[in-house]
């Protein structure tokens, strides 16, 4: 079993940066594909980024390509999301998730979820 705890959210002006972290417990962190999802008020949860077990394979939703970078440190059991050039439309609660699959862009493939961290971008 994996427990996930996000941190690093906050309020930032448009054009600014934030780095989200997701600390995991459990012995088999590097056996899981990992992802970031977000949910804005009144909208469904959407895929943001995913990373494979070794960290070499990544995928991003089109709206964040070139601005966000997903990475993981298996030794520290931590997942990261570096967010640059933030826009007002990035405002959402961001969730990290772990999947027994290699990695996935589909939320239903994820087995464990964090509690979420709020990211607010002012325009």
N, C-alpha and C. Protein backbone atom coordinates (compact mmCIF):
# COMPACT_ATOMS: atom_id res chain seq x y z
N UNK A 1 0.85 -1.19 0.00
CA UNK A 1 0.00 0.00 0.00
C UNK A 1 0.88 1.23 0.00
N UNK A 2 0.39 2.30 -0.61
CA UNK A 2 1.14 3.55 -0.72
C UNK A 2 0.28 4.68 -0.17
N UNK A 3 0.88 5.50 0.65
CA UNK A 3 0.23 6.74 1.11
C UNK A 3 0.96 7.92 0.50
N UNK A 4 0.19 8.89 0.02
CA UNK A 4 0.75 10.04 -0.70
C UNK A 4 0.34 11.34 -0.02
N UNK A 5 1.30 12.25 0.14
CA UNK A 5 1.03 13.54 0.75
C UNK A 5 1.64 14.64 -0.11
N UNK A 6 0.78 15.50 -0.66
CA UNK A 6 1.24 16.61 -1.49
C UNK A 6 1.59 17.82 -0.65
N UNK A 7 2.47 18.65 -1.19
CA UNK A 7 2.81 19.93 -0.58
C UNK A 7 3.32 20.86 -1.67
N UNK A 8 3.42 22.14 -1.33
CA UNK A 8 4.01 23.10 -2.26
C UNK A 8 3.02 23.99 -2.97
N UNK A 9 1.73 23.77 -2.76
CA UNK A 9 0.75 24.64 -3.38
C UNK A 9 0.75 26.02 -2.74
N UNK A 10 0.01 26.94 -3.37
CA UNK A 10 -0.07 28.29 -2.83
C UNK A 10 -0.64 29.25 -3.84
N UNK A 11 -0.51 30.52 -3.51
CA UNK A 11 -0.99 31.59 -4.38
C UNK A 11 0.20 32.22 -5.08
N UNK A 12 0.10 32.37 -6.39
CA UNK A 12 1.19 32.94 -7.17
C UNK A 12 0.60 33.81 -8.28
N UNK A 13 1.34 34.81 -8.70
CA UNK A 13 0.89 35.65 -9.80
C UNK A 13 1.12 34.94 -11.14
N UNK A 14 0.32 35.31 -12.12
CA UNK A 14 0.50 34.76 -13.46
C UNK A 14 1.93 35.01 -13.94
N UNK A 15 2.51 33.99 -14.55
CA UNK A 15 3.90 34.07 -14.98
C UNK A 15 4.88 33.53 -13.97
N UNK A 16 4.40 33.27 -12.77
CA UNK A 16 5.27 32.77 -11.72
C UNK A 16 5.44 31.27 -11.76
N UNK A 17 6.13 30.76 -10.74
CA UNK A 17 6.44 29.33 -10.67
C UNK A 17 6.10 28.76 -9.31
N UNK A 18 5.81 27.48 -9.30
CA UNK A 18 5.64 26.71 -8.08
C UNK A 18 6.21 25.32 -8.31
N UNK A 19 6.64 24.69 -7.24
CA UNK A 19 7.09 23.31 -7.32
C UNK A 19 6.28 22.47 -6.33
N UNK A 20 5.52 21.56 -6.85
CA UNK A 20 4.76 20.66 -6.00
C UNK A 20 5.58 19.42 -5.69
N UNK A 21 5.41 18.91 -4.49
CA UNK A 21 6.05 17.67 -4.08
C UNK A 21 4.98 16.70 -3.61
N UNK A 22 5.29 15.42 -3.73
CA UNK A 22 4.38 14.37 -3.27
C UNK A 22 5.23 13.31 -2.60
N UNK A 23 5.16 13.27 -1.29
CA UNK A 23 5.95 12.31 -0.52
C UNK A 23 5.17 11.02 -0.33
N UNK A 24 5.83 9.90 -0.56
CA UNK A 24 5.16 8.61 -0.48
C UNK A 24 5.71 7.76 0.64
N UNK A 25 4.85 6.97 1.20
CA UNK A 25 5.28 5.96 2.17
C UNK A 25 5.12 4.60 1.52
N UNK A 26 5.75 3.60 2.08
CA UNK A 26 5.66 2.27 1.49
C UNK A 26 6.99 1.85 0.91
N UNK A 27 7.18 0.54 0.80
CA UNK A 27 8.47 0.01 0.40
C UNK A 27 8.66 -0.06 -1.10
N UNK A 28 7.57 -0.03 -1.85
CA UNK A 28 7.68 -0.35 -3.27
C UNK A 28 7.38 0.85 -4.15
N UNK A 29 7.84 2.01 -3.74
CA UNK A 29 7.56 3.26 -4.47
C UNK A 29 7.98 3.14 -5.93
N UNK A 30 9.13 2.56 -6.20
CA UNK A 30 9.61 2.53 -7.57
C UNK A 30 8.92 1.46 -8.42
N UNK A 31 7.95 0.76 -7.87
CA UNK A 31 7.15 -0.19 -8.65
C UNK A 31 5.91 0.46 -9.26
N UNK A 32 5.70 1.75 -8.96
CA UNK A 32 4.49 2.42 -9.38
C UNK A 32 4.76 3.49 -10.43
N UNK A 33 3.88 3.54 -11.43
CA UNK A 33 3.82 4.72 -12.26
C UNK A 33 3.14 5.82 -11.46
N UNK A 34 3.50 7.04 -11.72
CA UNK A 34 2.99 8.17 -10.92
C UNK A 34 2.41 9.24 -11.82
N UNK A 35 1.47 9.96 -11.29
CA UNK A 35 0.87 11.02 -12.08
C UNK A 35 0.39 12.18 -11.25
N UNK A 36 0.18 13.28 -11.92
CA UNK A 36 -0.45 14.47 -11.35
C UNK A 36 -1.75 14.73 -12.09
N UNK A 37 -2.79 14.99 -11.34
CA UNK A 37 -4.09 15.38 -11.87
C UNK A 37 -4.50 16.68 -11.20
N UNK A 38 -5.47 17.36 -11.77
CA UNK A 38 -5.98 18.57 -11.14
C UNK A 38 -7.47 18.67 -11.36
N UNK A 39 -8.09 19.41 -10.43
CA UNK A 39 -9.53 19.63 -10.52
C UNK A 39 -9.83 21.08 -10.18
N UNK A 40 -10.37 21.79 -11.14
CA UNK A 40 -10.78 23.18 -10.94
C UNK A 40 -12.24 23.20 -10.47
N UNK A 41 -12.66 24.28 -9.82
CA UNK A 41 -14.03 24.37 -9.34
C UNK A 41 -15.03 24.17 -10.47
N UNK A 42 -16.00 23.28 -10.25
CA UNK A 42 -17.03 23.05 -11.23
C UNK A 42 -16.62 22.21 -12.41
N UNK A 43 -15.40 21.70 -12.39
CA UNK A 43 -14.90 20.89 -13.52
C UNK A 43 -14.51 19.50 -13.04
N UNK A 44 -14.40 18.58 -13.98
CA UNK A 44 -13.97 17.24 -13.67
C UNK A 44 -12.45 17.21 -13.47
N UNK A 45 -12.01 16.19 -12.74
CA UNK A 45 -10.58 16.00 -12.56
C UNK A 45 -9.95 15.68 -13.91
N UNK A 46 -8.79 16.30 -14.18
CA UNK A 46 -8.14 16.08 -15.46
C UNK A 46 -6.68 15.70 -15.27
N UNK A 47 -6.18 14.97 -16.23
CA UNK A 47 -4.79 14.54 -16.26
C UNK A 47 -3.88 15.74 -16.51
N UNK A 48 -2.74 15.77 -15.82
CA UNK A 48 -1.75 16.82 -16.03
C UNK A 48 -0.45 16.22 -16.57
N UNK A 49 0.10 15.26 -15.84
CA UNK A 49 1.39 14.68 -16.22
C UNK A 49 1.55 13.31 -15.59
N UNK A 50 2.36 12.47 -16.24
CA UNK A 50 2.63 11.14 -15.70
C UNK A 50 4.08 10.78 -15.95
N UNK A 51 4.59 9.88 -15.13
CA UNK A 51 5.99 9.47 -15.25
C UNK A 51 6.09 7.98 -14.95
N UNK A 52 6.94 7.30 -15.71
CA UNK A 52 7.12 5.88 -15.52
C UNK A 52 7.95 5.56 -14.29
N UNK A 53 8.11 4.25 -14.06
CA UNK A 53 8.75 3.79 -12.83
C UNK A 53 10.19 4.25 -12.70
N UNK A 54 10.90 4.27 -13.82
CA UNK A 54 12.31 4.66 -13.77
C UNK A 54 12.52 6.15 -13.91
N UNK A 55 11.48 6.84 -14.36
CA UNK A 55 11.57 8.28 -14.55
C UNK A 55 11.92 8.70 -15.96
N UNK A 56 12.19 7.76 -16.83
CA UNK A 56 12.59 8.11 -18.19
C UNK A 56 11.39 8.40 -19.10
N UNK A 57 10.26 7.80 -18.83
CA UNK A 57 9.07 8.01 -19.66
C UNK A 57 8.15 9.01 -18.99
N UNK A 58 7.75 10.02 -19.76
CA UNK A 58 6.85 11.03 -19.23
C UNK A 58 5.78 11.36 -20.28
N UNK A 59 4.69 11.92 -19.81
CA UNK A 59 3.61 12.37 -20.70
C UNK A 59 2.95 13.57 -20.06
N UNK A 60 2.46 14.47 -20.89
CA UNK A 60 1.84 15.71 -20.41
C UNK A 60 0.58 16.00 -21.20
N UNK A 61 -0.37 16.63 -20.55
CA UNK A 61 -1.48 17.16 -21.30
C UNK A 61 -0.99 18.36 -22.11
N UNK A 62 -1.63 18.59 -23.25
CA UNK A 62 -1.11 19.60 -24.17
C UNK A 62 -1.00 20.99 -23.54
N UNK A 63 -1.92 21.33 -22.67
CA UNK A 63 -1.97 22.69 -22.13
C UNK A 63 -0.79 23.02 -21.22
N UNK A 64 -0.04 22.02 -20.76
CA UNK A 64 1.08 22.28 -19.85
C UNK A 64 2.43 21.95 -20.48
N UNK A 65 2.43 21.40 -21.67
CA UNK A 65 3.69 21.04 -22.33
C UNK A 65 4.57 22.28 -22.50
N UNK A 66 5.84 22.13 -22.15
CA UNK A 66 6.77 23.24 -22.23
C UNK A 66 6.76 24.14 -21.02
N UNK A 67 5.79 23.98 -20.13
CA UNK A 67 5.72 24.80 -18.91
C UNK A 67 5.90 23.98 -17.64
N UNK A 68 5.39 22.76 -17.64
CA UNK A 68 5.47 21.89 -16.46
C UNK A 68 6.45 20.76 -16.70
N UNK A 69 7.13 20.34 -15.65
CA UNK A 69 8.03 19.19 -15.72
C UNK A 69 7.76 18.25 -14.55
N UNK A 70 7.50 17.00 -14.87
CA UNK A 70 7.30 15.99 -13.84
C UNK A 70 8.60 15.23 -13.65
N UNK A 71 8.91 14.91 -12.41
CA UNK A 71 10.12 14.15 -12.11
C UNK A 71 9.89 13.36 -10.83
N UNK A 72 10.77 12.40 -10.60
CA UNK A 72 10.66 11.59 -9.39
C UNK A 72 12.05 11.25 -8.87
N UNK A 73 12.13 11.11 -7.57
CA UNK A 73 13.36 10.67 -6.90
C UNK A 73 13.00 9.41 -6.14
N UNK A 74 13.34 8.27 -6.71
CA UNK A 74 12.93 7.00 -6.08
C UNK A 74 13.64 6.78 -4.74
N UNK A 75 14.85 7.30 -4.60
CA UNK A 75 15.55 7.15 -3.33
C UNK A 75 14.85 7.92 -2.21
N UNK A 76 14.28 9.06 -2.56
CA UNK A 76 13.57 9.88 -1.57
C UNK A 76 12.07 9.58 -1.55
N UNK A 77 11.63 8.69 -2.43
CA UNK A 77 10.20 8.34 -2.52
C UNK A 77 9.35 9.61 -2.71
N UNK A 78 9.78 10.45 -3.62
CA UNK A 78 9.10 11.72 -3.81
C UNK A 78 8.87 11.98 -5.29
N UNK A 79 7.70 12.49 -5.59
CA UNK A 79 7.30 12.91 -6.92
C UNK A 79 7.25 14.43 -6.94
N UNK A 80 7.64 15.03 -8.06
CA UNK A 80 7.65 16.48 -8.18
C UNK A 80 6.88 16.93 -9.41
N UNK A 81 6.41 18.18 -9.34
CA UNK A 81 5.86 18.85 -10.51
C UNK A 81 6.35 20.29 -10.48
N UNK A 82 7.28 20.60 -11.36
CA UNK A 82 7.76 21.98 -11.50
C UNK A 82 6.84 22.69 -12.47
N UNK A 83 6.25 23.78 -12.01
CA UNK A 83 5.28 24.51 -12.82
C UNK A 83 5.82 25.92 -13.05
N UNK A 84 6.08 26.23 -14.30
CA UNK A 84 6.58 27.55 -14.69
C UNK A 84 5.56 28.25 -15.57
N UNK A 85 5.73 29.55 -15.72
CA UNK A 85 4.84 30.35 -16.58
C UNK A 85 3.37 30.06 -16.27
N UNK A 86 3.04 30.09 -15.01
CA UNK A 86 1.69 29.73 -14.60
C UNK A 86 0.66 30.71 -15.13
N UNK A 87 -0.50 30.17 -15.43
CA UNK A 87 -1.61 30.95 -15.96
C UNK A 87 -2.80 30.82 -15.01
N UNK A 88 -3.73 31.75 -15.14
CA UNK A 88 -4.92 31.72 -14.29
C UNK A 88 -5.67 30.39 -14.46
N UNK A 89 -5.66 29.86 -15.65
CA UNK A 89 -6.38 28.61 -15.91
C UNK A 89 -5.71 27.38 -15.30
N UNK A 90 -4.54 27.54 -14.72
CA UNK A 90 -3.90 26.45 -13.98
C UNK A 90 -4.43 26.35 -12.55
N UNK A 91 -5.25 27.30 -12.15
CA UNK A 91 -5.81 27.27 -10.81
C UNK A 91 -6.65 26.02 -10.60
N UNK A 92 -6.32 25.25 -9.57
CA UNK A 92 -7.01 23.99 -9.30
C UNK A 92 -6.43 23.35 -8.05
N UNK A 93 -7.10 22.31 -7.59
CA UNK A 93 -6.50 21.44 -6.60
C UNK A 93 -5.72 20.36 -7.36
N UNK A 94 -4.46 20.21 -6.99
CA UNK A 94 -3.58 19.26 -7.67
C UNK A 94 -3.41 18.02 -6.81
N UNK A 95 -3.57 16.86 -7.44
CA UNK A 95 -3.47 15.57 -6.77
C UNK A 95 -2.35 14.75 -7.37
N UNK A 96 -1.60 14.07 -6.53
CA UNK A 96 -0.68 13.07 -7.03
C UNK A 96 -1.32 11.69 -6.87
N UNK A 97 -0.90 10.76 -7.69
CA UNK A 97 -1.50 9.44 -7.69
C UNK A 97 -0.48 8.40 -8.11
N UNK A 98 -0.69 7.17 -7.64
CA UNK A 98 0.21 6.06 -7.95
C UNK A 98 -0.57 4.93 -8.61
N UNK A 99 0.04 4.37 -9.65
CA UNK A 99 -0.62 3.34 -10.43
C UNK A 99 0.26 2.09 -10.53
N UNK A 100 -0.37 0.92 -10.44
CA UNK A 100 0.38 -0.31 -10.63
C UNK A 100 0.76 -0.51 -12.09
N UNK A 101 0.12 0.26 -12.97
CA UNK A 101 0.50 0.23 -14.38
C UNK A 101 1.85 0.93 -14.55
N UNK A 102 2.44 0.77 -15.72
CA UNK A 102 3.72 1.43 -15.97
C UNK A 102 3.56 2.93 -15.76
N UNK A 103 2.65 3.54 -16.43
CA UNK A 103 2.10 4.84 -16.10
C UNK A 103 0.89 5.03 -17.00
N UNK A 104 0.06 5.97 -16.69
CA UNK A 104 -1.19 6.14 -17.41
C UNK A 104 -1.65 7.58 -17.37
N UNK A 105 -2.42 7.96 -18.37
CA UNK A 105 -3.05 9.27 -18.40
C UNK A 105 -4.49 9.21 -17.91
N UNK A 106 -4.94 8.02 -17.52
CA UNK A 106 -6.33 7.80 -17.16
C UNK A 106 -6.45 7.67 -15.64
N UNK A 107 -7.30 8.47 -15.04
CA UNK A 107 -7.41 8.48 -13.59
C UNK A 107 -7.87 7.13 -13.03
N UNK A 108 -8.70 6.40 -13.78
CA UNK A 108 -9.21 5.12 -13.30
C UNK A 108 -8.11 4.08 -13.15
N UNK A 109 -6.96 4.30 -13.78
CA UNK A 109 -5.85 3.36 -13.67
C UNK A 109 -5.03 3.55 -12.40
N UNK A 110 -5.32 4.60 -11.66
CA UNK A 110 -4.54 4.90 -10.46
C UNK A 110 -5.18 4.30 -9.22
N UNK A 111 -4.34 3.74 -8.38
CA UNK A 111 -4.80 2.98 -7.23
C UNK A 111 -4.76 3.78 -5.92
N UNK A 112 -3.87 4.73 -5.84
CA UNK A 112 -3.71 5.51 -4.61
C UNK A 112 -3.65 6.99 -4.96
N UNK A 113 -4.25 7.80 -4.09
CA UNK A 113 -4.35 9.24 -4.31
C UNK A 113 -3.95 9.99 -3.05
N UNK A 114 -3.35 11.17 -3.26
CA UNK A 114 -3.11 12.08 -2.16
C UNK A 114 -4.36 12.90 -1.87
N UNK A 115 -4.25 13.78 -0.88
CA UNK A 115 -5.40 14.57 -0.45
C UNK A 115 -5.55 15.85 -1.27
N UNK A 116 -4.53 16.21 -2.02
CA UNK A 116 -4.59 17.39 -2.87
C UNK A 116 -3.95 18.61 -2.24
N UNK A 117 -3.46 19.51 -3.09
CA UNK A 117 -2.91 20.78 -2.66
C UNK A 117 -3.42 21.87 -3.59
N UNK A 118 -3.82 22.99 -3.02
CA UNK A 118 -4.44 24.06 -3.81
C UNK A 118 -3.37 24.92 -4.49
N UNK A 119 -3.55 25.14 -5.77
CA UNK A 119 -2.73 26.08 -6.53
C UNK A 119 -3.65 27.17 -7.07
N UNK A 120 -3.35 28.41 -6.72
CA UNK A 120 -4.16 29.53 -7.17
C UNK A 120 -3.26 30.52 -7.91
N UNK A 121 -3.64 30.87 -9.12
CA UNK A 121 -2.85 31.78 -9.94
C UNK A 121 -3.68 33.03 -10.20
N UNK A 122 -3.18 34.17 -9.77
CA UNK A 122 -3.89 35.42 -9.96
C UNK A 122 -3.43 36.08 -11.25
N UNK A 123 -4.38 36.64 -11.97
CA UNK A 123 -4.06 37.27 -13.26
C UNK A 123 -3.85 38.76 -13.10
